[in-house]
Amino acid sequence: MTGRIDAKLKDLGIELPTPPAPVASYVPYVRTGNLVFVSGQVTMGAKGLEYVGTVGAEISLEDGKAAARLCAINLIAQAKAACGGDLDKVTRVVKVVGFVNAVPGFKDHPEVINGASDLFQAVFGDAGKHARAAVGAGSLPRNVAVEVEAIFEVE
């Protein structure tokens, strides 16, 4: 039987990927008590890295938002792994931190990270509303446009 959140993902046309493995010396998530801290997820898609470049140069604002959304999909996949495959165990998206690889003077970091925030709210409803930071960066790993990390509360 499909869970409530899995059904919502299906309604949204989202198929979660196999959670990407870490590419450096860290673990994909840490669970402590009822919190799951998911390491920063980048724009890894089905065919490899997507949205490579700098927002405000090679990457448009709209593509930046799509990049943040892809990061959120990868975060949800990691959260699902942390919950033993049952996303219904997620009771809250607590905090989201988004990093935007942007040109100097770029001012629309919050709009870019809305791509992730909007997805969390679409998937988890009111439990998807979260505290957040949206930060500009001079560069990100592998030159991706966006990286997002999150903290989830779980049962």
C-alpha atoms as a PDB file:
ATOM      1  CA  MET A   1       0.000   0.000   0.000  1.00  0.00           C
ATOM      2  CA  THR A   2       1.284   3.428  -0.929  1.00  0.00           C
ATOM      3  CA  GLY A   3       1.641   5.975   1.837  1.00  0.00           C
ATOM      4  CA  ARG A   4       0.051   9.407   1.876  1.00  0.00           C
ATOM      5  CA  ILE A   5       3.258  11.235   0.919  1.00  0.00           C
ATOM      6  CA  ASP A   6       4.159   8.714  -1.792  1.00  0.00           C
ATOM      7  CA  ALA A   7       0.674   9.243  -3.252  1.00  0.00           C
ATOM      8  CA  LYS A   8       1.188  13.014  -3.175  1.00  0.00           C
ATOM      9  CA  LEU A   9       4.508  12.651  -4.991  1.00  0.00           C
ATOM     10  CA  LYS A  10       2.805  10.508  -7.627  1.00  0.00           C
ATOM     11  CA  ASP A  11       0.047  13.133  -8.025  1.00  0.00           C
ATOM     12  CA  LEU A  12       2.773  15.741  -8.579  1.00  0.00           C
ATOM     13  CA  GLY A  13       4.451  13.535 -11.184  1.00  0.00           C
ATOM     14  CA  ILE A  14       7.582  13.083  -9.081  1.00  0.00           C
ATOM     15  CA  GLU A  15       9.481   9.814  -8.999  1.00  0.00           C
ATOM     16  CA  LEU A  16      12.137   9.865  -6.317  1.00  0.00           C
ATOM     17  CA  PRO A  17      15.602   8.791  -7.412  1.00  0.00           C
ATOM     18  CA  THR A  18      17.793   6.347  -5.592  1.00  0.00           C
ATOM     19  CA  PRO A  19      19.440   8.655  -3.062  1.00  0.00           C
ATOM     20  CA  PRO A  20      22.774   9.878  -4.401  1.00  0.00           C
ATOM     21  CA  ALA A  21      25.830   8.533  -2.604  1.00  0.00           C
ATOM     22  CA  PRO A  22      28.198  11.033  -0.985  1.00  0.00           C
ATOM     23  CA  VAL A  23      31.049  12.195  -3.204  1.00  0.00           C
ATOM     24  CA  ALA A  24      33.360  13.149  -0.326  1.00  0.00           C
ATOM     25  CA  SER A  25      34.008  12.292   3.327  1.00  0.00           C
ATOM     26  CA  TYR A  26      30.554  12.582   4.902  1.00  0.00           C
ATOM     27  CA  VAL A  27      27.311  10.643   5.334  1.00  0.00           C
ATOM     28  CA  PRO A  28      24.105  11.512   3.460  1.00  0.00           C
ATOM     29  CA  TYR A  29      22.098  12.023   6.656  1.00  0.00           C
ATOM     30  CA  VAL A  30      22.314  11.772  10.417  1.00  0.00           C
ATOM     31  CA  ARG A  31      19.356  10.874  12.586  1.00  0.00           C
ATOM     32  CA  THR A  32      19.457  11.978  16.195  1.00  0.00           C
ATOM     33  CA  GLY A  33      16.333  11.608  18.284  1.00  0.00           C
ATOM     34  CA  ASN A  34      13.397  12.708  16.159  1.00  0.00           C
ATOM     35  CA  LEU A  35      15.477  14.880  13.803  1.00  0.00           C
ATOM     36  CA  VAL A  36      17.070  13.922  10.505  1.00  0.00           C
ATOM     37  CA  PHE A  37      19.808  16.240   9.246  1.00  0.00           C
ATOM     38  CA  VAL A  38      20.240  15.700   5.515  1.00  0.00           C
ATOM     39  CA  SER A  39      23.547  16.742   3.981  1.00  0.00           C
ATOM     40  CA  GLY A  40      23.508  19.310   1.211  1.00  0.00           C
ATOM     41  CA  GLN A  41      22.080  17.909  -2.000  1.00  0.00           C
ATOM     42  CA  VAL A  42      23.088  19.235  -5.384  1.00  0.00           C
ATOM     43  CA  THR A  43      21.445  19.120  -8.784  1.00  0.00           C
ATOM     44  CA  MET A  44      22.003  15.434  -9.513  1.00  0.00           C
ATOM     45  CA  GLY A  45      19.450  14.248 -12.036  1.00  0.00           C
ATOM     46  CA  ALA A  46      18.825  10.957 -13.792  1.00  0.00           C
ATOM     47  CA  LYS A  47      21.630  11.580 -16.307  1.00  0.00           C
ATOM     48  CA  GLY A  48      24.129  13.233 -13.982  1.00  0.00           C
ATOM     49  CA  LEU A  49      24.620  16.816 -12.862  1.00  0.00           C
ATOM     50  CA  GLU A  50      22.116  19.332 -14.175  1.00  0.00           C
ATOM     51  CA  TYR A  51      22.025  23.135 -13.891  1.00  0.00           C
ATOM     52  CA  VAL A  52      25.781  23.571 -13.929  1.00  0.00           C
ATOM     53  CA  GLY A  53      26.860  27.203 -13.952  1.00  0.00           C
ATOM     54  CA  THR A  54      26.257  30.517 -12.257  1.00  0.00           C
ATOM     55  CA  VAL A  55      22.809  31.988 -11.654  1.00  0.00           C
ATOM     56  CA  GLY A  56      22.694  35.382 -13.326  1.00  0.00           C
ATOM     57  CA  ALA A  57      25.172  34.299 -16.021  1.00  0.00           C
ATOM     58  CA  GLU A  58      24.689  30.858 -17.638  1.00  0.00           C
ATOM     59  CA  ILE A  59      21.678  29.995 -15.438  1.00  0.00           C
ATOM     60  CA  SER A  60      18.468  32.057 -15.430  1.00  0.00           C
ATOM     61  CA  LEU A  61      16.404  32.799 -12.333  1.00  0.00           C
ATOM     62  CA  GLU A  62      13.740  30.321 -13.496  1.00  0.00           C
ATOM     63  CA  ASP A  63      16.328  27.612 -14.099  1.00  0.00           C
ATOM     64  CA  GLY A  64      17.794  28.409 -10.674  1.00  0.00           C
ATOM     65  CA  LYS A  65      14.378  27.718  -9.137  1.00  0.00           C
ATOM     66  CA  ALA A  66      14.182  24.444 -11.070  1.00  0.00           C
ATOM     67  CA  ALA A  67      17.653  23.566  -9.762  1.00  0.00           C
ATOM     68  CA  ALA A  68      16.508  24.190  -6.174  1.00  0.00           C
ATOM     69  CA  ARG A  69      13.455  22.011  -6.804  1.00  0.00           C
ATOM     70  CA  LEU A  70      15.714  19.190  -8.022  1.00  0.00           C
ATOM     71  CA  CYS A  71      17.804  19.545  -4.857  1.00  0.00           C
ATOM     72  CA  ALA A  72      14.593  19.247  -2.813  1.00  0.00           C
ATOM     73  CA  ILE A  73      13.639  16.057  -4.655  1.00  0.00           C
ATOM     74  CA  ASN A  74      17.039  14.614  -3.713  1.00  0.00           C
ATOM     75  CA  LEU A  75      16.531  15.754  -0.094  1.00  0.00           C
ATOM     76  CA  ILE A  76      13.173  13.978   0.043  1.00  0.00           C
ATOM     77  CA  ALA A  77      14.801  10.829  -1.355  1.00  0.00           C
ATOM     78  CA  GLN A  78      17.409  10.960   1.425  1.00  0.00           C
ATOM     79  CA  ALA A  79      14.695  11.577   4.045  1.00  0.00           C
ATOM     80  CA  LYS A  80      12.820   8.540   2.726  1.00  0.00           C
ATOM     81  CA  ALA A  81      15.949   6.412   3.174  1.00  0.00           C
ATOM     82  CA  ALA A  82      16.391   7.782   6.701  1.00  0.00           C
ATOM     83  CA  CYS A  83      12.788   6.775   7.504  1.00  0.00           C
ATOM     84  CA  GLY A  84      13.170   3.225   6.280  1.00  0.00           C
ATOM     85  CA  GLY A  85      11.212   3.965   3.120  1.00  0.00           C
ATOM     86  CA  ASP A  86       8.165   5.525   4.845  1.00  0.00           C
ATOM     87  CA  LEU A  87       7.836   9.257   4.162  1.00  0.00           C
ATOM     88  CA  ASP A  88       4.670   9.337   6.250  1.00  0.00           C
ATOM     89  CA  LYS A  89       7.048   9.311   9.227  1.00  0.00           C
ATOM     90  CA  VAL A  90       8.086  12.885   8.344  1.00  0.00           C
ATOM     91  CA  THR A  91       6.098  15.148  10.659  1.00  0.00           C
ATOM     92  CA  ARG A  92       7.740  18.454   9.724  1.00  0.00           C
ATOM     93  CA  VAL A  93      10.286  20.077   7.469  1.00  0.00           C
ATOM     94  CA  VAL A  94      12.038  22.099  10.175  1.00  0.00           C
ATOM     95  CA  LYS A  95      14.765  24.076   8.430  1.00  0.00           C
ATOM     96  CA  VAL A  96      16.090  24.551   4.916  1.00  0.00           C
ATOM     97  CA  VAL A  97      19.362  26.204   3.960  1.00  0.00           C
ATOM     98  CA  GLY A  98      19.938  26.969   0.296  1.00  0.00           C
ATOM     99  CA  PHE A  99      23.127  28.094  -1.391  1.00  0.00           C
ATOM    100  CA  VAL A 100      23.024  29.824  -4.764  1.00  0.00           C
ATOM    101  CA  ASN A 101      26.092  29.959  -7.020  1.00  0.00           C
ATOM    102  CA  ALA A 102      25.446  33.500  -8.216  1.00  0.00           C
ATOM    103  CA  VAL A 103      27.144  36.396  -9.940  1.00  0.00           C
ATOM    104  CA  PRO A 104      28.317  39.288  -7.738  1.00  0.00           C
ATOM    105  CA  GLY A 105      25.451  41.640  -7.003  1.00  0.00           C
ATOM    106  CA  PHE A 106      22.751  38.979  -7.480  1.00  0.00           C
ATOM    107  CA  LYS A 107      19.812  39.791  -5.208  1.00  0.00           C
ATOM    108  CA  ASP A 108      17.198  37.110  -5.851  1.00  0.00           C
ATOM    109  CA  HIS A 109      18.546  34.251  -3.703  1.00  0.00           C
ATOM    110  CA  PRO A 110      15.201  33.856  -1.870  1.00  0.00           C
ATOM    111  CA  GLU A 111      13.328  33.475  -5.158  1.00  0.00           C
ATOM    112  CA  VAL A 112      15.746  30.773  -6.314  1.00  0.00           C
ATOM    113  CA  ILE A 113      15.415  28.774  -3.079  1.00  0.00           C
ATOM    114  CA  ASN A 114      11.621  29.086  -3.320  1.00  0.00           C
ATOM    115  CA  GLY A 115      11.978  26.264  -5.850  1.00  0.00           C
ATOM    116  CA  ALA A 116      12.805  23.964  -2.922  1.00  0.00           C
ATOM    117  CA  SER A 117      10.488  25.569  -0.368  1.00  0.00           C
ATOM    118  CA  ASP A 118       7.481  25.467  -2.681  1.00  0.00           C
ATOM    119  CA  LEU A 119       8.050  21.770  -3.353  1.00  0.00           C
ATOM    120  CA  PHE A 120       8.287  20.910   0.344  1.00  0.00           C
ATOM    121  CA  GLN A 121       4.969  22.671   0.942  1.00  0.00           C
ATOM    122  CA  ALA A 122       3.349  20.975  -2.059  1.00  0.00           C
ATOM    123  CA  VAL A 123       4.480  17.542  -0.851  1.00  0.00           C
ATOM    124  CA  PHE A 124       4.079  17.851   2.937  1.00  0.00           C
ATOM    125  CA  GLY A 125       1.333  20.519   3.160  1.00  0.00           C
ATOM    126  CA  ASP A 126       1.480  22.667   6.297  1.00  0.00           C
ATOM    127  CA  ALA A 127       4.179  20.344   7.681  1.00  0.00           C
ATOM    128  CA  GLY A 128       6.336  21.506   4.771  1.00  0.00           C
ATOM    129  CA  LYS A 129       6.458  25.107   6.017  1.00  0.00           C
ATOM    130  CA  HIS A 130       9.903  25.686   7.473  1.00  0.00           C
ATOM    131  CA  ALA A 131      12.487  28.133   8.750  1.00  0.00           C
ATOM    132  CA  ARG A 132      15.007  28.998   6.040  1.00  0.00           C
ATOM    133  CA  ALA A 133      18.150  30.737   4.902  1.00  0.00           C
ATOM    134  CA  ALA A 134      19.017  31.562   1.288  1.00  0.00           C
ATOM    135  CA  VAL A 135      22.678  32.390   0.812  1.00  0.00           C
ATOM    136  CA  GLY A 136      24.757  33.511  -2.156  1.00  0.00           C
ATOM    137  CA  ALA A 137      28.017  31.709  -2.888  1.00  0.00           C
ATOM    138  CA  GLY A 138      30.934  32.527  -5.162  1.00  0.00           C
ATOM    139  CA  SER A 139      31.071  28.859  -6.183  1.00  0.00           C
ATOM    140  CA  LEU A 140      29.591  25.491  -5.267  1.00  0.00           C
ATOM    141  CA  PRO A 141      30.803  21.889  -5.647  1.00  0.00           C
ATOM    142  CA  ARG A 142      31.164  20.764  -9.265  1.00  0.00           C
ATOM    143  CA  ASN A 143      30.032  24.296 -10.278  1.00  0.00           C
ATOM    144  CA  VAL A 144      26.347  23.450  -9.711  1.00  0.00           C
ATOM    145  CA  ALA A 145      23.931  26.360  -9.548  1.00  0.00           C
ATOM    146  CA  VAL A 146      22.316  25.387  -6.230  1.00  0.00           C
ATOM    147  CA  GLU A 147      22.875  23.222  -3.153  1.00  0.00           C
ATOM    148  CA  VAL A 148      20.216  22.730  -0.478  1.00  0.00           C
ATOM    149  CA  GLU A 149      20.303  21.028   2.931  1.00  0.00           C
ATOM    150  CA  ALA A 150      17.392  20.332   5.276  1.00  0.00           C
ATOM    151  CA  ILE A 151      16.367  19.182   8.722  1.00  0.00           C
ATOM    152  CA  PHE A 152      13.291  16.962   9.038  1.00  0.00           C
ATOM    153  CA  GLU A 153      11.337  16.031  12.156  1.00  0.00           C
ATOM    154  CA  VAL A 154      10.271  12.384  12.083  1.00  0.00           C
ATOM    155  CA  GLU A 155       8.307   9.903  14.170  1.00  0.00           C
END
